Structures are given as structure tokens and as C-alpha cells.
Amino acid sequence: MRVIYTFLAVRMLRLARFDLARSDMLYRDGDAAFARSRDRVRRAEALTARADLPSLASMR
């Protein structure tokens, strides 16, 4: 019985580590996506200013 519990504990630890690594990867990818979207907004604002259009903030 002890062998079964040991096996289950080791398996659960491996799954937990995998979930943690996946969570960290998604967190980093989310930060990168947020930075890209902020850069796109900044570029869009610069283009609207060059075209003498109203800014995105004033269009809301």
C-alpha cells in the first residue's frame, strides 16, 4: 500500500511541476502580448497625429 501512495505522490508532484511551468510560460507570454499591444497603440496614436485625425482617446 505504501508503494502505491509513494507512486501517486511522485506522480502528483510531477503534474504540479508541469502545471507550474505551464503557468509561468503563459504569464510570460501574456506580458509579451501586453507589451506588443501597448506598442501598437502607441504607433496608432502616432499615425493618427500625423494624419491630423482625432486621437483614440477622444473617439471614445
Protein backbone atom coordinates (compact mmCIF):
# COMPACT_ATOMS: atom_id res chain seq x y z
CA MET A 1 0.00 0.00 0.00
CA ARG A 2 2.84 2.35 0.84
CA VAL A 3 4.33 1.79 -2.64
CA ILE A 4 1.08 2.86 -4.26
CA TYR A 5 0.90 6.05 -2.19
CA THR A 6 4.52 6.81 -3.00
CA PHE A 7 3.88 6.33 -6.69
CA LEU A 8 0.80 8.56 -6.55
CA ALA A 9 2.68 11.24 -4.61
CA VAL A 10 5.54 11.28 -7.11
CA ARG A 11 3.08 11.44 -10.00
CA MET A 12 1.17 14.31 -8.40
CA LEU A 13 4.41 16.21 -7.79
CA ARG A 14 5.39 15.84 -11.44
CA LEU A 15 1.97 17.04 -12.58
CA ALA A 16 2.14 20.01 -10.20
CA ARG A 17 5.57 20.98 -11.50
CA PHE A 18 4.32 20.71 -15.08
CA ASP A 19 1.31 22.90 -14.27
CA LEU A 20 3.53 25.45 -12.58
CA ALA A 21 5.91 25.58 -15.56
CA ARG A 22 2.97 25.98 -17.94
CA SER A 23 1.53 28.75 -15.78
CA ASP A 24 4.86 30.59 -15.78
CA MET A 25 5.10 30.27 -19.57
CA LEU A 26 1.59 31.67 -20.04
CA TYR A 27 2.38 34.53 -17.65
CA ARG A 28 5.49 35.48 -19.64
CA ASP A 29 3.60 35.19 -22.93
CA GLY A 30 0.84 37.40 -21.53
CA ASP A 31 3.33 40.07 -20.54
CA ALA A 32 4.87 39.99 -24.02
CA ALA A 33 1.44 40.24 -25.66
CA PHE A 34 0.55 43.19 -23.45
CA ALA A 35 3.78 44.97 -24.37
CA ARG A 36 3.12 44.36 -28.09
CA SER A 37 -0.40 45.75 -27.82
CA ARG A 38 0.84 48.85 -25.99
CA ASP A 39 3.40 49.37 -28.76
CA ARG A 40 0.67 49.02 -31.41
CA VAL A 41 -1.49 51.58 -29.64
CA ARG A 42 1.47 53.96 -29.44
CA ARG A 43 2.12 53.52 -33.16
CA ALA A 44 -1.56 54.02 -33.98
CA GLU A 45 -1.64 57.23 -31.95
CA ALA A 46 1.45 58.47 -33.80
CA LEU A 47 -0.17 57.72 -37.17
CA THR A 48 -3.41 59.46 -36.22
CA ALA A 49 -1.43 62.50 -35.12
CA ARG A 50 0.43 62.57 -38.44
CA ALA A 51 -2.87 62.29 -40.33
CA ASP A 52 -4.50 65.04 -38.20
CA LEU A 53 -7.23 62.67 -37.08
CA PRO A 54 -8.76 62.69 -33.59
CA SER A 55 -6.92 60.50 -31.10
CA LEU A 56 -8.27 57.14 -29.97
CA ALA A 57 -8.98 58.53 -26.51
CA SER A 58 -11.16 61.33 -27.84
CA MET A 59 -13.14 58.91 -30.06
CA ARG A 60 -14.48 57.01 -27.02
